[in-house]
Protein backbone atom coordinates (compact mmCIF):
# COMPACT_ATOMS: atom_id res chain seq x y z
CA MET A 1 288.16 112.74 17.53
CA ASP A 2 286.61 109.41 16.45
CA VAL A 3 285.06 109.93 13.00
CA GLN A 4 282.00 107.94 14.13
CA VAL A 5 281.56 110.21 17.15
CA SER A 6 282.10 113.62 15.49
CA PRO A 7 278.74 113.94 13.65
CA ARG A 8 276.84 112.87 16.75
CA PHE A 9 278.81 115.22 18.98
CA CYS A 10 278.01 118.13 16.66
CA ALA A 11 274.31 117.24 16.65
CA TYR A 12 274.13 116.85 20.42
CA SER A 13 276.02 120.09 21.07
CA ARG A 14 273.42 122.11 19.15
CA ALA A 15 270.59 120.95 21.42
CA THR A 16 269.58 123.82 23.74
CA THR A 17 267.25 121.97 26.09
CA LEU A 18 266.88 118.23 25.54
CA CYS A 19 268.34 115.78 23.05
CA ILE A 20 266.89 112.28 22.70
CA ALA A 21 268.68 109.89 20.36
CA VAL A 22 267.19 106.54 19.31
CA TYR A 23 269.48 103.83 17.96
CA GLU A 24 268.85 100.29 16.80
CA ALA A 25 270.34 98.02 19.46
CA GLU A 26 271.12 95.20 17.02
CA SER A 27 273.17 97.44 14.71
CA PHE A 28 275.30 98.62 17.60
CA ALA A 29 275.59 95.09 19.00
CA TRP A 30 277.20 93.88 15.76
CA ALA A 31 279.07 97.10 14.94
CA THR A 32 282.85 97.25 14.97
CA PRO A 33 284.38 98.64 18.18
CA SER A 34 284.33 102.44 18.54
CA ARG A 35 284.63 105.01 21.28
CA PHE A 36 280.94 105.85 21.00
CA LYS A 37 279.98 102.17 21.35
CA ASP A 38 282.22 101.89 24.41
CA VAL A 39 280.50 104.88 25.98
CA LEU A 40 277.06 103.38 25.34
CA ARG A 41 278.09 100.12 26.96
CA LEU A 42 279.02 101.94 30.15
CA SER A 43 275.29 102.11 30.79
CA GLU A 44 273.98 98.86 32.25
CA THR A 45 270.65 99.37 30.44
CA HIS A 46 272.28 99.99 27.07
CA ARG A 47 274.70 97.11 27.54
CA ALA A 48 271.87 94.70 28.38
CA ALA A 49 269.87 95.85 25.34
CA MET A 50 272.84 95.32 22.99
CA ASP A 51 273.69 91.92 24.47
CA GLN A 52 270.10 90.77 24.12
CA ALA A 53 269.91 92.08 20.55
CA TRP A 54 273.12 90.22 19.66
CA ALA A 55 271.84 86.96 21.14
CA ILE A 56 268.46 86.94 19.39
CA SER A 57 269.92 87.97 16.00
CA HIS A 58 272.62 85.29 16.01
CA ALA A 59 272.11 82.79 13.18
CA ARG A 60 272.28 79.79 15.52
CA SER A 61 269.66 81.22 17.88
CA LEU A 62 267.29 81.98 15.02
CA VAL A 63 267.68 78.62 13.30
CA GLU A 64 267.42 76.69 16.57
CA SER A 65 264.15 78.32 17.57
CA SER A 66 262.52 78.09 14.12
CA SER A 67 263.74 74.66 13.00
CA GLU A 68 263.21 72.93 16.37
CA ALA A 69 266.54 71.27 15.70
CA ASN A 70 267.51 68.21 17.70
CA TRP A 71 271.28 68.48 18.23
CA TRP A 72 273.26 65.24 18.12
CA PRO A 73 276.05 64.39 20.62
CA THR A 74 278.81 64.81 18.02
CA GLN A 75 282.25 65.93 19.14
CA THR A 76 283.87 67.26 15.97
CA LEU A 77 281.08 69.56 14.75
CA SER A 78 277.68 70.99 15.72
CA LEU A 79 275.20 68.74 13.90
CA GLY A 80 271.45 68.43 14.28
CA TRP A 81 268.32 67.22 12.53
CA SER A 82 265.20 69.33 12.03
CA GLU A 83 261.90 67.45 11.83
CA ALA A 84 260.16 70.73 10.99
CA TRP A 85 262.32 71.39 7.94
CA ASN A 86 263.26 67.77 7.09
CA ALA A 87 266.86 68.87 6.92
CA TRP A 88 270.28 68.75 8.54
CA ILE A 89 271.44 71.70 10.61
CA VAL A 90 275.20 72.37 10.75
CA GLU A 91 277.31 75.10 12.30
CA LEU A 92 280.82 75.47 10.83
CA GLU A 93 283.65 76.98 12.81
CA SER A 94 284.93 79.42 10.18
CA VAL A 95 284.66 80.36 6.51
CA ASP A 96 287.57 78.13 5.52
CA GLU A 97 286.75 75.34 7.94
CA ILE A 98 287.75 71.89 6.67
CA ARG A 99 284.73 70.48 8.50
CA TRP A 100 282.81 71.45 5.37
CA CYS A 101 283.68 67.83 4.51
CA TRP A 102 280.85 66.86 6.87
CA VAL A 103 278.42 68.83 4.69
CA GLU A 104 279.78 67.05 1.64
CA PHE A 105 279.38 63.67 3.36
CA LEU A 106 275.79 64.39 4.38
CA THR A 107 274.76 65.45 0.87
CA GLN A 108 276.42 62.35 -0.62
CA HIS A 109 274.81 59.83 1.72
CA HIS A 110 271.41 61.32 2.57
CA MET A 111 268.85 63.08 0.37
CA ALA A 112 267.98 65.82 2.86
CA PRO A 113 269.30 69.38 2.39
CA VAL A 114 271.90 70.80 4.78
CA PHE A 115 271.31 74.25 6.26
CA TYR A 116 274.56 75.70 7.54
CA TRP A 117 276.24 78.87 8.75
CA CYS A 118 279.50 79.92 10.34
CA ALA A 119 279.87 80.45 14.07
CA GLY A 120 279.23 84.08 14.92
CA ALA A 121 277.11 84.72 11.81
CA ARG A 122 274.37 87.35 12.01
CA ARG A 123 270.89 86.27 10.89
CA TYR A 124 271.75 84.81 7.49
CA PHE A 125 272.64 81.23 6.54
CA PHE A 126 272.87 78.92 3.50
CA CYS A 127 271.75 75.57 2.12
CA ALA A 128 273.64 72.76 0.40
CA GLN A 129 272.12 69.89 -1.61
CA ALA A 130 273.41 67.02 -3.69
CA ASP A 131 273.56 67.79 -7.41
CA GLY A 132 274.81 64.65 -9.07
CA ASP A 133 278.42 64.18 -7.97
CA SER A 134 278.75 67.81 -6.84
CA ILE A 135 277.05 70.08 -4.33
CA SER A 136 274.56 72.81 -5.15
CA GLN A 137 274.62 75.80 -2.79
CA SER A 138 271.87 78.32 -2.29
CA GLY A 139 272.09 82.05 -2.15
CA THR A 140 271.78 83.82 1.18
CA LEU A 141 268.82 82.66 3.29
CA ARG A 142 266.77 84.44 5.91
CA LEU A 143 263.83 83.33 8.07
CA ASP A 144 260.28 84.37 7.26
CA ASP A 145 256.70 83.15 7.67
CA CYS A 146 255.45 80.69 5.05
CA GLU A 147 251.68 80.32 4.61
CA ASP A 148 251.98 76.92 2.93
CA CYS A 149 254.27 75.50 5.61
CA ALA A 150 252.35 77.33 8.36
CA ARG A 151 255.60 78.08 10.14
CA VAL A 152 258.77 80.14 9.96
CA THR A 153 261.08 78.68 7.31
CA PRO A 154 264.22 79.56 5.32
CA HIS A 155 263.57 81.94 2.41
CA LEU A 156 265.92 83.06 -0.34
CA LEU A 157 266.87 86.65 0.37
CA SER A 158 266.88 87.48 -3.35
CA THR A 159 263.41 86.13 -4.25
CA ALA A 160 261.60 85.69 -0.89
CA THR A 161 260.93 82.07 -1.93
CA CYS A 162 260.45 79.44 0.77
CA VAL A 163 263.22 76.87 0.35
CA VAL A 164 261.40 74.14 2.30
CA CYS A 165 258.38 74.32 -0.05
CA SER A 166 260.57 73.97 -3.14
CA MET A 167 262.38 70.86 -1.94
CA PRO A 168 261.13 67.26 -2.12
CA ALA A 169 260.34 65.77 1.28
CA ALA A 170 263.24 63.83 2.77
CA HIS A 171 263.07 60.90 5.15
CA PRO A 172 264.64 61.30 8.60
CA PRO A 173 268.00 59.54 9.02
CA SER A 174 267.71 55.88 9.97
CA HIS A 175 269.08 54.55 13.24
CA ALA A 176 271.78 52.76 11.25
CA PHE A 177 272.86 55.99 9.54
CA GLU A 178 272.82 57.82 12.87
CA GLY A 179 275.04 55.09 14.31
CA SER A 180 277.47 55.44 11.39
CA ILE A 181 277.71 59.21 11.87
CA LEU A 182 278.44 58.85 15.58
CA GLU A 183 281.06 56.18 14.85
CA PHE A 184 282.79 58.35 12.22
CA ASP A 185 282.63 61.31 14.60
CA GLN A 186 284.32 59.24 17.31
CA GLN A 187 287.10 58.21 14.92
CA LEU A 188 287.72 61.84 13.96
CA SER A 189 287.64 62.89 17.61
CA ASP A 190 290.28 60.25 18.41
CA ILE A 191 292.62 61.94 15.94
CA THR A 192 292.60 65.22 17.85
CA HIS A 193 293.45 63.34 21.04
CA GLY A 194 296.27 61.30 19.52
CA ARG A 195 294.43 57.99 19.81
CA TYR A 196 293.93 57.22 16.13
CA ASP A 197 295.24 54.25 14.17
CA ALA A 198 296.01 55.27 10.57
CA LYS A 199 295.08 51.76 9.44
CA ARG A 200 291.45 52.64 10.13
CA LEU A 201 291.41 55.45 7.56
CA ASN A 202 289.98 53.22 4.88
CA THR A 203 286.84 52.68 6.95
CA LEU A 204 285.89 56.32 6.43
CA PRO A 205 283.88 57.59 3.43
CA ARG A 206 285.97 59.72 1.10
CA ALA A 207 284.68 63.14 2.29
CA LEU A 208 285.52 62.30 5.90
CA LEU A 209 288.80 60.70 4.80
CA ILE A 210 289.87 64.14 3.58
CA LEU A 211 288.93 65.60 6.96
CA ALA A 212 290.80 62.82 8.76
CA LEU A 213 294.03 63.33 6.79
CA VAL A 214 293.96 67.09 7.39
CA SER A 215 293.15 66.57 11.08
CA MET A 216 296.08 64.16 11.45
CA ALA A 217 298.35 66.71 9.79
CA ARG A 218 297.09 69.44 12.12
CA ALA A 219 297.67 67.21 15.14
CA HIS A 220 301.37 66.82 14.23
CA PRO A 221 303.69 69.06 16.29
CA ALA A 222 305.30 70.48 13.12
CA PHE A 223 301.98 71.87 11.93
CA ALA A 224 302.03 74.69 14.47
CA THR A 225 305.40 75.94 13.19
CA ARG A 226 304.26 76.79 9.65
CA ASP A 227 301.31 78.13 7.65
CA TRP A 228 299.87 75.29 5.61
CA MET A 229 297.39 75.15 2.77
CA VAL A 230 293.82 73.95 3.25
CA PRO A 231 293.02 71.33 0.57
CA SER A 232 290.76 72.69 -2.13
CA GLY A 233 289.88 71.83 -5.69
CA SER A 234 287.14 71.40 -8.23
CA SER A 235 286.60 67.71 -7.45
CA TRP A 236 286.96 65.32 -4.53
CA VAL A 237 289.96 63.71 -6.23
CA TYR A 238 291.94 66.96 -6.11
CA ARG A 239 290.77 67.74 -2.57
CA LEU A 240 291.87 64.27 -1.46
CA ALA A 241 295.21 64.75 -3.21
CA GLY A 242 295.70 68.01 -1.32
CA ALA A 243 294.96 66.26 1.96
CA CYS A 244 297.41 63.43 1.14
CA VAL A 245 300.16 65.89 0.28
CA LEU A 246 299.56 67.88 3.44
CA PHE A 247 299.53 64.71 5.55
CA HIS A 248 302.87 63.63 4.05
CA VAL A 249 304.71 66.95 3.81
CA VAL A 250 303.94 68.11 7.36
CA ARG A 251 305.95 65.12 8.60
CA ALA A 252 308.95 65.81 6.37
CA SER A 253 312.15 67.51 7.47
CA PRO A 254 314.00 70.05 5.27
CA GLU A 255 316.50 67.30 4.41
CA ASP A 256 313.89 64.85 3.12
CA THR A 257 313.20 64.47 -0.61
CA ILE A 258 309.53 64.59 -1.54
CA ASP A 259 309.01 62.50 -4.66
CA SER A 260 305.70 63.39 -6.34
CA LYS A 261 305.43 60.19 -8.40
CA ARG A 262 306.37 57.93 -5.50
CA LEU A 263 303.89 59.63 -3.16
CA ALA A 264 301.13 59.27 -5.77
CA ASP A 265 301.82 55.59 -6.43
CA ARG A 266 302.04 54.66 -2.74
CA SER A 267 298.86 56.49 -1.76
CA HIS A 268 297.00 55.08 -4.78
CA VAL A 269 297.64 51.58 -3.43
CA TRP A 270 297.01 52.56 0.19
CA LEU A 271 293.62 54.30 -0.20
CA ASP A 272 290.76 51.98 -1.14
CA CYS A 273 288.52 54.79 -2.43
CA LEU A 274 290.99 55.32 -5.31
CA ASP A 275 290.41 51.86 -6.82
CA SER A 276 288.19 53.38 -9.53
CA ILE A 277 290.54 56.33 -10.18
CA ASP A 278 293.11 55.99 -12.93
CA SER A 279 296.66 56.15 -11.57
CA LYS A 280 297.61 58.75 -14.20
CA LEU A 281 294.82 61.07 -13.04
CA TRP A 282 295.89 60.56 -9.43
CA ARG A 283 299.50 61.44 -10.25
CA GLN A 284 298.27 64.65 -11.89
CA ALA A 285 296.21 65.52 -8.81
CA ILE A 286 299.16 64.92 -6.45
CA ALA A 287 301.47 66.92 -8.71
CA SER A 288 298.96 69.77 -8.75
CA ALA A 289 298.74 69.85 -4.94
CA ILE A 290 302.53 69.79 -4.59
CA ASN A 291 302.83 72.57 -7.15
CA VAL A 292 300.57 74.75 -4.99
CA LEU A 293 303.04 74.37 -2.12
CA TYR A 294 305.93 75.04 -4.47
CA GLN A 295 304.32 78.20 -5.89
CA ARG A 296 303.78 79.47 -2.34
CA ASN A 297 307.40 78.89 -1.37
CA THR A 298 306.64 76.05 1.03
CA LEU A 299 308.64 73.64 -1.12
CA VAL A 300 311.89 74.00 -3.05
CA LYS A 301 312.34 72.13 -6.33
CA LYS A 302 315.30 69.75 -6.48
CA GLY A 303 314.59 68.19 -9.88
CA THR A 304 311.77 66.85 -12.00
CA GLY A 305 309.07 65.80 -9.56
CA LEU A 306 311.46 66.14 -6.60
CA TYR A 307 311.07 68.71 -3.81
CA ARG A 308 312.12 69.51 -0.27
CA LEU A 309 310.77 71.77 2.44
CA GLN A 310 311.76 75.41 2.46
CA HIS A 311 313.83 76.17 5.58
CA ARG A 312 312.02 79.45 6.16
CA LEU A 313 308.46 80.04 5.01
CA THR A 314 306.62 83.17 4.04
CA GLY A 315 303.01 83.54 5.18
CA MET A 316 300.52 81.52 3.21
CA THR A 317 296.77 81.46 3.17
CA SER A 318 294.45 79.26 1.20
CA GLY A 319 291.07 77.66 1.21
CA THR A 320 287.54 77.92 -0.08
CA SER A 321 284.93 80.02 1.66
CA TYR A 322 281.77 78.03 2.34
CA CYS A 323 279.79 80.50 4.42
CA ARG A 324 278.84 82.55 1.41
CA GLN A 325 277.50 81.73 -2.03
CA SER A 326 280.19 79.89 -4.00
CA SER A 327 280.63 77.03 -6.39
CA ALA A 328 281.28 73.60 -4.99
């Protein structure tokens, strides 16, 4: 018998006349599948209660209603602006989603905070802000009433502090900045539909350049045949190096030689955003990204700085989780 059902069955079986059980609909709505949950959902009343509880406790539903977010017509991510919170609102697709680069771009080019969560998240969400050249991320946030703001706002779960009160007021995005975002979004959308000219990559800011390179790699037919790394690193230079390596290696055949130094030198000339980056540092970053693939048996070493694709790959997972508290 289902271990979740057994205690309840024992309790119900002892009732001699009437047994009334009261359960929290939201907990069951988000609970993992079980026989008892399946039985409850056979009732139209119970099923409707659980579905409603799921909908109103979804992070997107809660943030939408409280922030009065105005969603933009972007194609590559869910992006909005909240006048009530003076902040960006972003929904990511998954915990390792490379579209986190959009969050990085927004914090680099606009002073407003970015409230974000992952699709399917229950109640809680997070906040990212610029912190010099890096990104500062909040702890877990929940919604609560704020007397000073006179509205429902994000509060730190750990301290019950209103995040909106503690942040300096930010100006709404200008029409010019909105136009730039929609233009960049269109370029990234073109990649997924095979309509993108690689010569236009240098028109993208560096955070979205990383996203573009990974998206172009994912759009290649060979990408579906293997498990590839998601670029990660402690700085944008190493994340960009990971994207460059992925973009190059996904197009290689097992017979091709992948020359780390040559790839670094060619991409250093090709990418305008690397003009201020020392070529030695860039070579180190490329070598580091290639070494990750080598350590995970994606590449085979042929000599010093020379590699080729492994004919058969073992499973490989990688990436940084952004839908929980972590360092940028």
